[in-house]
PDB file of N, CA and C in Angstrom:
ATOM      1  N   MET A   1     166.083 141.633 149.368  1.00  0.00           N
ATOM      2  CA  MET A   1     166.005 143.011 150.257  1.00  0.00           C
ATOM      3  C   MET A   1     164.886 142.383 151.018  1.00  0.00           C
ATOM      4  N   ALA A   2     164.876 142.786 152.494  1.00  0.00           N
ATOM      5  CA  ALA A   2     164.209 141.789 153.639  1.00  0.00           C
ATOM      6  C   ALA A   2     162.906 142.846 153.487  1.00  0.00           C
ATOM      7  N   ILE A   3     161.683 142.423 154.436  1.00  0.00           N
ATOM      8  CA  ILE A   3     160.581 143.433 154.782  1.00  0.00           C
ATOM      9  C   ILE A   3     161.127 143.733 156.342  1.00  0.00           C
ATOM     10  N   ASP A   4     160.612 144.952 156.365  1.00  0.00           N
ATOM     11  CA  ASP A   4     160.814 145.721 157.518  1.00  0.00           C
ATOM     12  C   ASP A   4     159.437 145.716 158.005  1.00  0.00           C
ATOM     13  N   THR A   5     159.462 145.807 159.358  1.00  0.00           N
ATOM     14  CA  THR A   5     157.996 145.508 160.236  1.00  0.00           C
ATOM     15  C   THR A   5     158.519 146.669 161.645  1.00  0.00           C
ATOM     16  N   GLN A   6     157.732 147.662 161.869  1.00  0.00           N
ATOM     17  CA  GLN A   6     157.599 148.519 162.581  1.00  0.00           C
ATOM     18  C   GLN A   6     156.285 148.678 163.217  1.00  0.00           C
ATOM     19  N   ILE A   7     156.180 148.278 164.812  1.00  0.00           N
ATOM     20  CA  ILE A   7     155.312 148.785 165.606  1.00  0.00           C
ATOM     21  C   ILE A   7     155.125 150.251 166.291  1.00  0.00           C
ATOM     22  N   GLN A   8     154.184 150.799 166.119  1.00  0.00           N
ATOM     23  CA  GLN A   8     154.003 151.893 166.986  1.00  0.00           C
ATOM     24  C   GLN A   8     152.553 152.286 167.616  1.00  0.00           C
ATOM     25  N   GLY A   9     152.594 151.925 169.092  1.00  0.00           N
ATOM     26  CA  GLY A   9     151.207 151.937 169.426  1.00  0.00           C
ATOM     27  C   GLY A   9     150.318 150.592 169.351  1.00  0.00           C
ATOM     28  N   ASN A  10     149.452 150.957 168.609  1.00  0.00           N
ATOM     29  CA  ASN A  10     148.448 149.906 168.661  1.00  0.00           C
ATOM     30  C   ASN A  10     148.470 149.538 166.938  1.00  0.00           C
ATOM     31  N   SER A  11     149.351 150.020 165.964  1.00  0.00           N
ATOM     32  CA  SER A  11     149.499 150.238 164.675  1.00  0.00           C
ATOM     33  C   SER A  11     150.974 149.855 164.216  1.00  0.00           C
ATOM     34  N   ALA A  12     150.732 148.658 163.034  1.00  0.00           N
ATOM     35  CA  ALA A  12     151.598 148.134 162.502  1.00  0.00           C
ATOM     36  C   ALA A  12     151.930 148.767 161.192  1.00  0.00           C
ATOM     37  N   ARG A  13     153.579 148.966 160.783  1.00  0.00           N
ATOM     38  CA  ARG A  13     154.037 149.048 159.611  1.00  0.00           C
ATOM     39  C   ARG A  13     154.877 147.909 158.709  1.00  0.00           C
ATOM     40  N   ILE A  14     154.372 148.009 157.948  1.00  0.00           N
ATOM     41  CA  ILE A  14     155.203 146.542 156.690  1.00  0.00           C
ATOM     42  C   ILE A  14     155.895 147.372 155.603  1.00  0.00           C
ATOM     43  N   ILE A  15     157.094 147.822 155.785  1.00  0.00           N
ATOM     44  CA  ILE A  15     157.713 148.192 154.734  1.00  0.00           C
ATOM     45  C   ILE A  15     158.433 147.199 153.657  1.00  0.00           C
ATOM     46  N   VAL A  16     157.702 147.400 152.115  1.00  0.00           N
ATOM     47  CA  VAL A  16     158.018 146.725 151.265  1.00  0.00           C
ATOM     48  C   VAL A  16     159.135 147.206 150.735  1.00  0.00           C
ATOM     49  N   PRO A  17     160.458 146.483 150.068  1.00  0.00           N
ATOM     50  CA  PRO A  17     161.406 146.518 149.148  1.00  0.00           C
ATOM     51  C   PRO A  17     161.129 147.161 147.838  1.00  0.00           C
ATOM     52  N   ASN A  18     161.933 147.983 147.151  1.00  0.00           N
ATOM     53  CA  ASN A  18     161.796 148.384 145.610  1.00  0.00           C
ATOM     54  C   ASN A  18     161.369 146.778 144.841  1.00  0.00           C
ATOM     55  N   PHE A  19     161.691 145.891 145.155  1.00  0.00           N
ATOM     56  CA  PHE A  19     160.659 144.606 144.169  1.00  0.00           C
ATOM     57  C   PHE A  19     160.050 143.554 144.997  1.00  0.00           C
ATOM     58  N   PHE A  20     158.814 143.827 144.672  1.00  0.00           N
ATOM     59  CA  PHE A  20     157.958 142.996 145.472  1.00  0.00           C
ATOM     60  C   PHE A  20     157.268 142.230 144.390  1.00  0.00           C
ATOM     61  N   ASP A  21     158.129 140.943 144.850  1.00  0.00           N
ATOM     62  CA  ASP A  21     157.367 139.686 143.826  1.00  0.00           C
ATOM     63  C   ASP A  21     157.684 138.306 144.937  1.00  0.00           C
ATOM     64  N   SER A  22     157.554 137.321 143.926  1.00  0.00           N
ATOM     65  CA  SER A  22     157.427 136.311 144.802  1.00  0.00           C
ATOM     66  C   SER A  22     158.763 135.691 145.575  1.00  0.00           C
ATOM     67  N   SER A  23     159.935 136.563 145.483  1.00  0.00           N
ATOM     68  CA  SER A  23     161.220 136.417 146.124  1.00  0.00           C
ATOM     69  C   SER A  23     160.906 136.756 147.681  1.00  0.00           C
ATOM     70  N   ILE A  24     160.014 137.732 147.808  1.00  0.00           N
ATOM     71  CA  ILE A  24     159.796 137.956 149.289  1.00  0.00           C
ATOM     72  C   ILE A  24     158.539 137.337 150.218  1.00  0.00           C
ATOM     73  N   TYR A  25     158.059 136.367 149.463  1.00  0.00           N
ATOM     74  CA  TYR A  25     156.626 135.780 149.884  1.00  0.00           C
ATOM     75  C   TYR A  25     156.883 135.129 151.314  1.00  0.00           C
ATOM     76  N   GLN A  26     158.129 134.452 151.586  1.00  0.00           N
ATOM     77  CA  GLN A  26     158.231 133.920 152.742  1.00  0.00           C
ATOM     78  C   GLN A  26     158.335 134.955 153.656  1.00  0.00           C
ATOM     79  N   SER A  27     159.043 136.191 153.840  1.00  0.00           N
ATOM     80  CA  SER A  27     159.403 137.025 154.429  1.00  0.00           C
ATOM     81  C   SER A  27     158.189 137.914 154.855  1.00  0.00           C
ATOM     82  N   PHE A  28     157.684 138.525 154.056  1.00  0.00           N
ATOM     83  CA  PHE A  28     156.138 138.910 154.145  1.00  0.00           C
ATOM     84  C   PHE A  28     155.226 138.490 155.016  1.00  0.00           C
ATOM     85  N   LYS A  29     155.349 136.919 154.464  1.00  0.00           N
ATOM     86  CA  LYS A  29     153.923 135.932 155.513  1.00  0.00           C
ATOM     87  C   LYS A  29     154.446 135.711 156.803  1.00  0.00           C
ATOM     88  N   ARG A  30     155.930 135.860 156.901  1.00  0.00           N
ATOM     89  CA  ARG A  30     156.180 135.415 158.704  1.00  0.00           C
ATOM     90  C   ARG A  30     155.688 136.911 158.855  1.00  0.00           C
ATOM     91  N   ALA A  31     156.472 138.121 158.509  1.00  0.00           N
ATOM     92  CA  ALA A  31     155.939 139.143 159.460  1.00  0.00           C
ATOM     93  C   ALA A  31     154.574 139.637 159.569  1.00  0.00           C
ATOM     94  N   THR A  32     153.495 139.777 158.362  1.00  0.00           N
ATOM     95  CA  THR A  32     152.059 139.193 158.347  1.00  0.00           C
ATOM     96  C   THR A  32     151.561 138.155 159.475  1.00  0.00           C
ATOM     97  N   THR A  33     152.067 137.300 159.567  1.00  0.00           N
ATOM     98  CA  THR A  33     151.247 136.308 160.657  1.00  0.00           C
ATOM     99  C   THR A  33     151.592 136.478 162.043  1.00  0.00           C
ATOM    100  N   THR A  34     153.321 137.108 162.258  1.00  0.00           N
ATOM    101  CA  THR A  34     153.272 137.850 163.413  1.00  0.00           C
ATOM    102  C   THR A  34     152.599 138.837 163.823  1.00  0.00           C
ATOM    103  N   LEU A  35     152.287 139.625 162.810  1.00  0.00           N
ATOM    104  CA  LEU A  35     151.332 140.760 163.458  1.00  0.00           C
ATOM    105  C   LEU A  35     150.084 140.250 163.506  1.00  0.00           C
ATOM    106  N   MET A  36     149.639 139.634 162.519  1.00  0.00           N
ATOM    107  CA  MET A  36     147.870 139.418 163.042  1.00  0.00           C
ATOM    108  C   MET A  36     148.222 138.232 164.439  1.00  0.00           C
ATOM    109  N   GLU A  37     148.862 137.746 165.052  1.00  0.00           N
ATOM    110  CA  GLU A  37     148.803 136.987 165.876  1.00  0.00           C
ATOM    111  C   GLU A  37     149.120 138.104 167.330  1.00  0.00           C
ATOM    112  N   ASN A  38     149.817 139.166 167.023  1.00  0.00           N
ATOM    113  CA  ASN A  38     150.360 140.143 168.132  1.00  0.00           C
ATOM    114  C   ASN A  38     148.954 140.622 168.785  1.00  0.00           C
ATOM    115  N   PRO A  39     148.271 140.211 169.559  1.00  0.00           N
ATOM    116  CA  PRO A  39     147.022 141.536 170.371  1.00  0.00           C
ATOM    117  C   PRO A  39     147.118 142.408 170.577  1.00  0.00           C
ATOM    118  N   GLU A  40     148.009 143.387 170.559  1.00  0.00           N
ATOM    119  CA  GLU A  40     148.777 144.710 170.445  1.00  0.00           C
ATOM    120  C   GLU A  40     148.124 145.480 169.398  1.00  0.00           C
ATOM    121  N   VAL A  41     148.214 144.496 168.442  1.00  0.00           N
ATOM    122  CA  VAL A  41     148.691 145.338 166.884  1.00  0.00           C
ATOM    123  C   VAL A  41     146.751 145.641 166.307  1.00  0.00           C
ATOM    124  N   GLN A  42     146.261 146.596 166.408  1.00  0.00           N
ATOM    125  CA  GLN A  42     144.679 146.468 166.029  1.00  0.00           C
ATOM    126  C   GLN A  42     144.532 146.922 164.334  1.00  0.00           C
ATOM    127  N   SER A  43     145.930 147.533 163.663  1.00  0.00           N
ATOM    128  CA  SER A  43     145.585 147.649 162.622  1.00  0.00           C
ATOM    129  C   SER A  43     147.228 147.648 161.379  1.00  0.00           C
ATOM    130  N   ILE A  44     147.301 147.338 160.462  1.00  0.00           N
ATOM    131  CA  ILE A  44     148.496 146.887 159.528  1.00  0.00           C
ATOM    132  C   ILE A  44     148.492 147.977 158.270  1.00  0.00           C
ATOM    133  N   ALA A  45     149.632 148.632 158.318  1.00  0.00           N
ATOM    134  CA  ALA A  45     149.700 149.606 157.157  1.00  0.00           C
ATOM    135  C   ALA A  45     151.006 148.768 156.136  1.00  0.00           C
ATOM    136  N   VAL A  46     150.565 148.755 154.954  1.00  0.00           N
ATOM    137  CA  VAL A  46     152.111 148.114 154.178  1.00  0.00           C
ATOM    138  C   VAL A  46     152.003 149.097 153.260  1.00  0.00           C
ATOM    139  N   ASP A  47     153.775 150.129 153.928  1.00  0.00           N
ATOM    140  CA  ASP A  47     154.189 150.899 153.056  1.00  0.00           C
ATOM    141  C   ASP A  47     155.335 150.664 151.965  1.00  0.00           C
ATOM    142  N   LEU A  48     154.885 151.221 150.686  1.00  0.00           N
ATOM    143  CA  LEU A  48     154.744 150.857 149.487  1.00  0.00           C
ATOM    144  C   LEU A  48     155.757 152.113 149.091  1.00  0.00           C
ATOM    145  N   SER A  49     156.216 153.122 149.779  1.00  0.00           N
ATOM    146  CA  SER A  49     157.258 153.788 149.421  1.00  0.00           C
ATOM    147  C   SER A  49     158.352 153.883 148.215  1.00  0.00           C
ATOM    148  N   MET A  50     159.029 152.581 148.810  1.00  0.00           N
ATOM    149  CA  MET A  50     160.148 152.419 148.298  1.00  0.00           C
ATOM    150  C   MET A  50     159.901 151.381 146.810  1.00  0.00           C
ATOM    151  N   THR A  51     158.873 150.839 146.953  1.00  0.00           N
ATOM    152  CA  THR A  51     158.591 149.640 145.983  1.00  0.00           C
ATOM    153  C   THR A  51     158.279 150.641 144.333  1.00  0.00           C
ATOM    154  N   GLU A  52     159.100 149.951 143.566  1.00  0.00           N
ATOM    155  CA  GLU A  52     159.587 150.713 142.261  1.00  0.00           C
ATOM    156  C   GLU A  52     158.722 149.112 141.468  1.00  0.00           C
ATOM    157  N   TYR A  53     158.825 148.042 141.626  1.00  0.00           N
ATOM    158  CA  TYR A  53     158.084 146.898 140.872  1.00  0.00           C
ATOM    159  C   TYR A  53     157.577 146.182 141.529  1.00  0.00           C
ATOM    160  N   LEU A  54     156.269 145.683 141.435  1.00  0.00           N
ATOM    161  CA  LEU A  54     155.474 144.375 141.532  1.00  0.00           C
ATOM    162  C   LEU A  54     154.735 143.740 140.375  1.00  0.00           C
ATOM    163  N   ASP A  55     154.652 142.603 140.762  1.00  0.00           N
ATOM    164  CA  ASP A  55     154.309 141.629 139.673  1.00  0.00           C
ATOM    165  C   ASP A  55     152.789 141.109 140.315  1.00  0.00           C
ATOM    166  N   SER A  56     152.601 140.076 139.386  1.00  0.00           N
ATOM    167  CA  SER A  56     151.268 139.375 139.920  1.00  0.00           C
ATOM    168  C   SER A  56     151.397 138.638 141.004  1.00  0.00           C
ATOM    169  N   SER A  57     152.552 138.073 141.319  1.00  0.00           N
ATOM    170  CA  SER A  57     152.378 137.455 142.699  1.00  0.00           C
ATOM    171  C   SER A  57     152.433 138.459 143.987  1.00  0.00           C
ATOM    172  N   ALA A  58     152.969 139.826 143.500  1.00  0.00           N
ATOM    173  CA  ALA A  58     152.623 140.668 144.863  1.00  0.00           C
ATOM    174  C   ALA A  58     151.311 140.838 144.715  1.00  0.00           C
ATOM    175  N   ILE A  59     150.386 141.011 144.167  1.00  0.00           N
ATOM    176  CA  ILE A  59     148.939 141.337 144.056  1.00  0.00           C
ATOM    177  C   ILE A  59     148.414 140.009 144.747  1.00  0.00           C
ATOM    178  N   GLY A  60     148.771 138.902 144.867  1.00  0.00           N
ATOM    179  CA  GLY A  60     148.119 137.948 145.434  1.00  0.00           C
ATOM    180  C   GLY A  60     148.659 137.748 146.563  1.00  0.00           C
ATOM    181  N   ILE A  61     149.713 138.170 147.281  1.00  0.00           N
ATOM    182  CA  ILE A  61     150.325 138.394 148.380  1.00  0.00           C
ATOM    183  C   ILE A  61     149.313 139.178 148.932  1.00  0.00           C
ATOM    184  N   LEU A  62     149.153 140.510 148.321  1.00  0.00           N
ATOM    185  CA  LEU A  62     148.453 141.492 149.035  1.00  0.00           C
ATOM    186  C   LEU A  62     146.781 140.839 149.033  1.00  0.00           C
ATOM    187  N   ALA A  63     146.363 139.948 148.518  1.00  0.00           N
ATOM    188  CA  ALA A  63     145.549 139.935 148.601  1.00  0.00           C
ATOM    189  C   ALA A  63     144.914 138.967 149.824  1.00  0.00           C
ATOM    190  N   LEU A  64     145.780 137.985 149.846  1.00  0.00           N
ATOM    191  CA  LEU A  64     145.797 137.011 150.909  1.00  0.00           C
ATOM    192  C   LEU A  64     145.922 138.035 152.296  1.00  0.00           C
ATOM    193  N   LEU A  65     146.873 139.232 152.140  1.00  0.00           N
ATOM    194  CA  LEU A  65     147.082 139.869 153.473  1.00  0.00           C
ATOM    195  C   LEU A  65     145.571 140.661 153.848  1.00  0.00           C
ATOM    196  N   ALA A  66     144.683 140.867 152.693  1.00  0.00           N
ATOM    197  CA  ALA A  66     143.213 141.672 152.945  1.00  0.00           C
ATOM    198  C   ALA A  66     142.498 140.377 153.697  1.00  0.00           C
ATOM    199  N   GLU A  67     142.830 139.495 152.888  1.00  0.00           N
ATOM    200  CA  GLU A  67     141.711 137.966 153.633  1.00  0.00           C
ATOM    201  C   GLU A  67     142.195 137.760 155.206  1.00  0.00           C
ATOM    202  N   ASN A  68     143.317 137.763 155.457  1.00  0.00           N
ATOM    203  CA  ASN A  68     143.637 137.359 156.537  1.00  0.00           C
ATOM    204  C   ASN A  68     143.597 138.738 157.731  1.00  0.00           C
ATOM    205  N   ALA A  69     144.145 139.836 157.062  1.00  0.00           N
ATOM    206  CA  ALA A  69     143.556 140.972 157.963  1.00  0.00           C
ATOM    207  C   ALA A  69     141.832 140.827 158.086  1.00  0.00           C
ATOM    208  N   LYS A  70     141.245 140.912 157.137  1.00  0.00           N
ATOM    209  CA  LYS A  70     139.525 140.895 157.549  1.00  0.00           C
ATOM    210  C   LYS A  70     139.111 139.630 158.531  1.00  0.00           C
ATOM    211  N   TYR A  71     139.710 138.681 158.506  1.00  0.00           N
ATOM    212  CA  TYR A  71     139.448 137.387 159.440  1.00  0.00           C
ATOM    213  C   TYR A  71     139.809 137.743 160.623  1.00  0.00           C
ATOM    214  N   ALA A  72     140.927 138.567 161.031  1.00  0.00           N
ATOM    215  CA  ALA A  72     141.737 138.962 162.316  1.00  0.00           C
ATOM    216  C   ALA A  72     141.191 140.035 162.640  1.00  0.00           C
ATOM    217  N   LYS A  73     140.035 140.919 162.024  1.00  0.00           N
ATOM    218  CA  LYS A  73     139.463 142.252 162.306  1.00  0.00           C
ATOM    219  C   LYS A  73     140.382 143.114 162.684  1.00  0.00           C
ATOM    220  N   LYS A  74     141.671 143.137 161.854  1.00  0.00           N
ATOM    221  CA  LYS A  74     142.456 144.287 161.955  1.00  0.00           C
ATOM    222  C   LYS A  74     142.453 144.979 160.539  1.00  0.00           C
ATOM    223  N   PRO A  75     142.312 146.052 160.246  1.00  0.00           N
ATOM    224  CA  PRO A  75     142.168 146.703 159.124  1.00  0.00           C
ATOM    225  C   PRO A  75     143.577 147.013 158.446  1.00  0.00           C
ATOM    226  N   ALA A  76     143.599 146.412 157.206  1.00  0.00           N
ATOM    227  CA  ALA A  76     144.802 146.759 157.014  1.00  0.00           C
ATOM    228  C   ALA A  76     144.511 148.203 155.519  1.00  0.00           C
ATOM    229  N   ARG A  77     145.863 148.881 155.003  1.00  0.00           N
ATOM    230  CA  ARG A  77     145.940 149.795 153.925  1.00  0.00           C
ATOM    231  C   ARG A  77     146.903 149.753 153.464  1.00  0.00           C
ATOM    232  N   LEU A  78     147.077 150.282 152.158  1.00  0.00           N
ATOM    233  CA  LEU A  78     148.108 150.282 151.424  1.00  0.00           C
ATOM    234  C   LEU A  78     148.494 151.717 151.428  1.00  0.00           C
ATOM    235  N   ILE A  79     149.774 152.349 151.901  1.00  0.00           N
ATOM    236  CA  ILE A  79     150.183 153.408 152.141  1.00  0.00           C
ATOM    237  C   ILE A  79     151.303 153.955 151.276  1.00  0.00           C
ATOM    238  N   CYS A  80     151.689 155.271 150.945  1.00  0.00           N
ATOM    239  CA  CYS A  80     152.627 155.811 150.291  1.00  0.00           C
ATOM    240  C   CYS A  80     152.869 155.623 149.130  1.00  0.00           C
ATOM    241  N   ILE A  81     152.024 155.488 148.261  1.00  0.00           N
ATOM    242  CA  ILE A  81     152.278 154.496 146.962  1.00  0.00           C
ATOM    243  C   ILE A  81     152.850 155.302 145.811  1.00  0.00           C
ATOM    244  N   PRO A  82     153.764 155.328 145.201  1.00  0.00           N
ATOM    245  CA  PRO A  82     154.025 155.770 143.946  1.00  0.00           C
ATOM    246  C   PRO A  82     153.402 155.850 142.945  1.00  0.00           C
ATOM    247  N   GLY A  83     153.229 156.486 141.940  1.00  0.00           N
ATOM    248  CA  GLY A  83     152.478 156.598 140.921  1.00  0.00           C
ATOM    249  C   GLY A  83     152.462 155.202 140.025  1.00  0.00           C
ATOM    250  N   ARG A  84     153.566 155.075 139.453  1.00  0.00           N
ATOM    251  CA  ARG A  84     153.690 153.440 138.865  1.00  0.00           C
ATOM    252  C   ARG A  84     153.067 152.425 139.690  1.00  0.00           C
ATOM    253  N   VAL A  85     153.356 152.392 140.706  1.00  0.00           N
ATOM    254  CA  VAL A  85     152.684 151.423 141.723  1.00  0.00           C
ATOM    255  C   VAL A  85     151.372 150.970 141.751  1.00  0.00           C
ATOM    256  N   LEU A  86     150.674 152.791 141.589  1.00  0.00           N
ATOM    257  CA  LEU A  86     149.430 152.644 141.787  1.00  0.00           C
ATOM    258  C   LEU A  86     148.839 152.110 140.698  1.00  0.00           C
ATOM    259  N   ASP A  87     149.101 152.586 139.666  1.00  0.00           N
ATOM    260  CA  ASP A  87     148.461 152.106 138.241  1.00  0.00           C
ATOM    261  C   ASP A  87     148.136 150.727 138.430  1.00  0.00           C
ATOM    262  N   ILE A  88     149.311 149.899 138.505  1.00  0.00           N
ATOM    263  CA  ILE A  88     148.948 148.124 138.726  1.00  0.00           C
ATOM    264  C   ILE A  88     147.987 147.945 140.086  1.00  0.00           C
ATOM    265  N   LEU A  89     148.030 148.916 141.097  1.00  0.00           N
ATOM    266  CA  LEU A  89     147.091 148.178 141.813  1.00  0.00           C
ATOM    267  C   LEU A  89     145.676 148.492 141.453  1.00  0.00           C
ATOM    268  N   ASN A  90     145.535 149.502 140.878  1.00  0.00           N
ATOM    269  CA  ASN A  90     143.982 150.211 140.220  1.00  0.00           C
ATOM    270  C   ASN A  90     143.819 149.184 139.470  1.00  0.00           C
ATOM    271  N   ILE A  91     144.600 148.717 138.335  1.00  0.00           N
ATOM    272  CA  ILE A  91     144.154 147.881 137.334  1.00  0.00           C
ATOM    273  C   ILE A  91     143.539 146.168 138.007  1.00  0.00           C
ATOM    274  N   ALA A  92     144.583 145.920 138.944  1.00  0.00           N
ATOM    275  CA  ALA A  92     143.817 144.835 140.251  1.00  0.00           C
ATOM    276  C   ALA A  92     142.804 145.064 140.552  1.00  0.00           C
ATOM    277  N   HIS A  93     142.184 146.187 140.650  1.00  0.00           N
ATOM    278  CA  HIS A  93     140.896 146.884 141.763  1.00  0.00           C
ATOM    279  C   HIS A  93     141.543 146.648 143.076  1.00  0.00           C
ATOM    280  N   MET A  94     142.787 146.679 143.327  1.00  0.00           N
ATOM    281  CA  MET A  94     142.972 146.480 145.305  1.00  0.00           C
ATOM    282  C   MET A  94     142.264 147.596 145.912  1.00  0.00           C
ATOM    283  N   SER A  95     141.669 148.691 145.409  1.00  0.00           N
ATOM    284  CA  SER A  95     141.057 149.545 146.401  1.00  0.00           C
ATOM    285  C   SER A  95     139.692 148.756 146.885  1.00  0.00           C
ATOM    286  N   SER A  96     139.547 147.818 146.362  1.00  0.00           N
ATOM    287  CA  SER A  96     137.931 147.103 146.785  1.00  0.00           C
ATOM    288  C   SER A  96     138.826 146.316 147.740  1.00  0.00           C
ATOM    289  N   LEU A  97     139.959 145.972 148.197  1.00  0.00           N
ATOM    290  CA  LEU A  97     140.181 145.179 149.299  1.00  0.00           C
ATOM    291  C   LEU A  97     141.073 145.953 150.231  1.00  0.00           C
ATOM    292  N   PHE A  98     141.546 147.206 149.795  1.00  0.00           N
ATOM    293  CA  PHE A  98     142.354 148.278 150.879  1.00  0.00           C
ATOM    294  C   PHE A  98     141.918 149.740 150.782  1.00  0.00           C
ATOM    295  N   GLU A  99     141.955 149.973 151.610  1.00  0.00           N
ATOM    296  CA  GLU A  99     142.054 151.695 152.272  1.00  0.00           C
ATOM    297  C   GLU A  99     143.607 152.225 151.267  1.00  0.00           C
ATOM    298  N   ILE A 100     143.567 153.185 150.301  1.00  0.00           N
ATOM    299  CA  ILE A 100     145.195 153.248 149.752  1.00  0.00           C
ATOM    300  C   ILE A 100     145.184 155.190 149.911  1.00  0.00           C
ATOM    301  N   GLU A 101     146.359 154.822 150.519  1.00  0.00           N
ATOM    302  CA  GLU A 101     146.867 156.106 150.604  1.00  0.00           C
ATOM    303  C   GLU A 101     148.079 156.617 149.550  1.00  0.00           C
ATOM    304  N   LEU A 102     148.085 157.776 149.139  1.00  0.00           N
ATOM    305  CA  LEU A 102     149.002 157.860 147.890  1.00  0.00           C
ATOM    306  C   LEU A 102     150.343 158.230 148.738  1.00  0.00           C
ATOM    307  N   ALA A 103     150.970 158.455 147.614  1.00  0.00           N
ATOM    308  CA  ALA A 103     152.424 159.076 148.394  1.00  0.00           C
ATOM    309  C   ALA A 103     152.488 160.247 148.662  1.00  0.00           C
ATOM    310  N   PRO A 104     153.085 161.028 149.282  1.00  0.00           N
ATOM    311  CA  PRO A 104     153.012 162.597 149.889  1.00  0.00           C
ATOM    312  C   PRO A 104     153.682 163.418 148.435  1.00  0.00           C
ATOM    313  N   GLY A 105     153.249 164.410 148.227  1.00  0.00           N
ATOM    314  CA  GLY A 105     153.843 165.111 147.366  1.00  0.00           C
ATOM    315  C   GLY A 105     153.127 165.120 145.803  1.00  0.00           C
TER     316      GLY A 105
END
Protein backbone atom coordinates (compact mmCIF):
# COMPACT_ATOMS: atom_id res chain seq x y z
CA MET A 1 0.00 0.00 0.00
CA ALA A 2 1.32 3.43 -0.90
CA ILE A 3 1.42 6.69 0.98
CA ASP A 4 -1.26 9.20 0.01
CA THR A 5 -0.43 12.90 0.21
CA GLN A 6 -2.92 15.77 0.14
CA ILE A 7 -2.27 19.49 0.20
CA GLN A 8 -4.97 21.91 1.23
CA GLY A 9 -3.97 25.54 1.45
CA ASN A 10 -0.66 25.71 3.28
CA SER A 11 -1.17 22.43 5.14
CA ALA A 12 -0.24 18.93 3.97
CA ARG A 13 -1.59 15.57 5.07
CA ILE A 14 0.25 12.28 4.71
CA ILE A 15 -2.11 9.32 4.97
CA VAL A 16 -0.36 6.18 6.18
CA PRO A 17 -1.67 2.72 5.18
CA ASN A 18 -2.74 0.00 7.60
CA PHE A 19 0.77 -1.43 7.99
CA PHE A 20 3.38 1.20 8.86
CA ASP A 21 6.74 -0.56 8.68
CA SER A 22 10.00 -0.50 6.75
CA SER A 23 8.23 -1.50 3.52
CA ILE A 24 6.89 2.03 3.11
CA TYR A 25 10.08 3.86 4.06
CA GLN A 26 11.00 4.92 0.50
CA SER A 27 7.53 6.19 -0.40
CA PHE A 28 7.21 7.99 2.96
CA LYS A 29 10.64 9.59 2.47
CA ARG A 30 9.76 10.73 -1.07
CA ALA A 31 6.47 12.20 0.15
CA THR A 32 8.01 14.05 3.08
CA THR A 33 10.96 15.33 1.04
CA THR A 34 8.58 16.75 -1.55
CA LEU A 35 6.54 18.45 1.17
CA MET A 36 9.60 19.84 2.95
CA GLU A 37 10.82 21.36 -0.32
CA ASN A 38 7.42 22.86 -1.19
CA PRO A 39 7.47 26.52 -0.04
CA GLU A 40 3.66 26.64 0.05
CA VAL A 41 3.45 23.88 2.67
CA GLN A 42 3.78 25.37 6.15
CA SER A 43 2.71 22.38 8.28
CA ILE A 44 2.44 18.61 7.94
CA ALA A 45 -0.05 16.22 9.51
CA VAL A 46 0.51 12.46 9.48
CA ASP A 47 -2.90 10.79 9.40
CA LEU A 48 -2.79 7.41 11.13
CA SER A 49 -6.54 6.72 10.99
CA MET A 50 -6.10 3.62 8.79
CA THR A 51 -3.02 2.34 10.61
CA GLU A 52 -3.49 -0.91 12.50
CA TYR A 53 0.16 -1.87 12.91
CA LEU A 54 3.41 -0.01 13.31
CA ASP A 55 6.81 -1.32 14.28
CA SER A 56 10.11 0.11 15.47
CA SER A 57 11.10 1.14 11.95
CA ALA A 58 7.94 3.26 11.77
CA ILE A 59 8.95 4.94 15.02
CA GLY A 60 12.34 5.69 13.45
CA ILE A 61 10.69 7.02 10.29
CA LEU A 62 8.52 9.34 12.38
CA ALA A 63 11.54 10.50 14.41
CA LEU A 64 13.31 11.42 11.15
CA LEU A 65 10.24 13.33 10.03
CA ALA A 66 10.20 15.25 13.31
CA GLU A 67 13.86 16.17 12.89
CA ASN A 68 13.43 17.22 9.25
CA ALA A 69 10.27 19.20 10.03
CA LYS A 70 12.03 21.05 12.83
CA TYR A 71 14.94 21.87 10.52
CA ALA A 72 12.53 23.09 7.80
CA LYS A 73 10.48 25.05 10.38
CA LYS A 74 7.33 23.20 9.34
CA PRO A 75 5.43 21.89 12.36
CA ALA A 76 4.47 18.23 12.09
CA ARG A 77 1.74 16.50 14.05
CA LEU A 78 0.21 13.05 14.26
CA ILE A 79 -3.55 12.97 13.80
CA CYS A 80 -6.52 10.58 13.91
CA ILE A 81 -4.62 8.02 15.98
CA PRO A 82 -6.48 4.82 16.87
CA GLY A 83 -6.10 3.41 20.40
CA ARG A 84 -3.67 0.54 19.75
CA VAL A 85 -1.37 2.77 17.71
CA LEU A 86 -1.55 5.46 20.40
CA ASP A 87 -0.32 2.94 22.98
CA ILE A 88 2.79 2.26 20.88
CA LEU A 89 3.41 5.96 20.29
CA ASN A 90 3.13 6.62 24.03
CA ILE A 91 5.64 3.86 24.83
CA ALA A 92 8.02 5.47 22.34
CA HIS A 93 7.43 8.94 23.87
CA MET A 94 6.47 10.37 20.50
CA SER A 95 4.51 13.12 22.23
CA SER A 96 7.88 14.74 22.94
CA LEU A 97 8.41 15.11 19.18
CA PHE A 98 4.88 15.70 17.87
CA GLU A 99 1.58 17.27 18.74
CA ILE A 100 -0.76 14.29 18.96
CA GLU A 101 -4.47 14.34 18.07
CA LEU A 102 -6.60 11.29 18.81
CA ALA A 103 -9.05 9.69 16.44
CA PRO A 104 -12.54 11.15 16.70
CA GLY A 105 -15.08 9.24 18.73
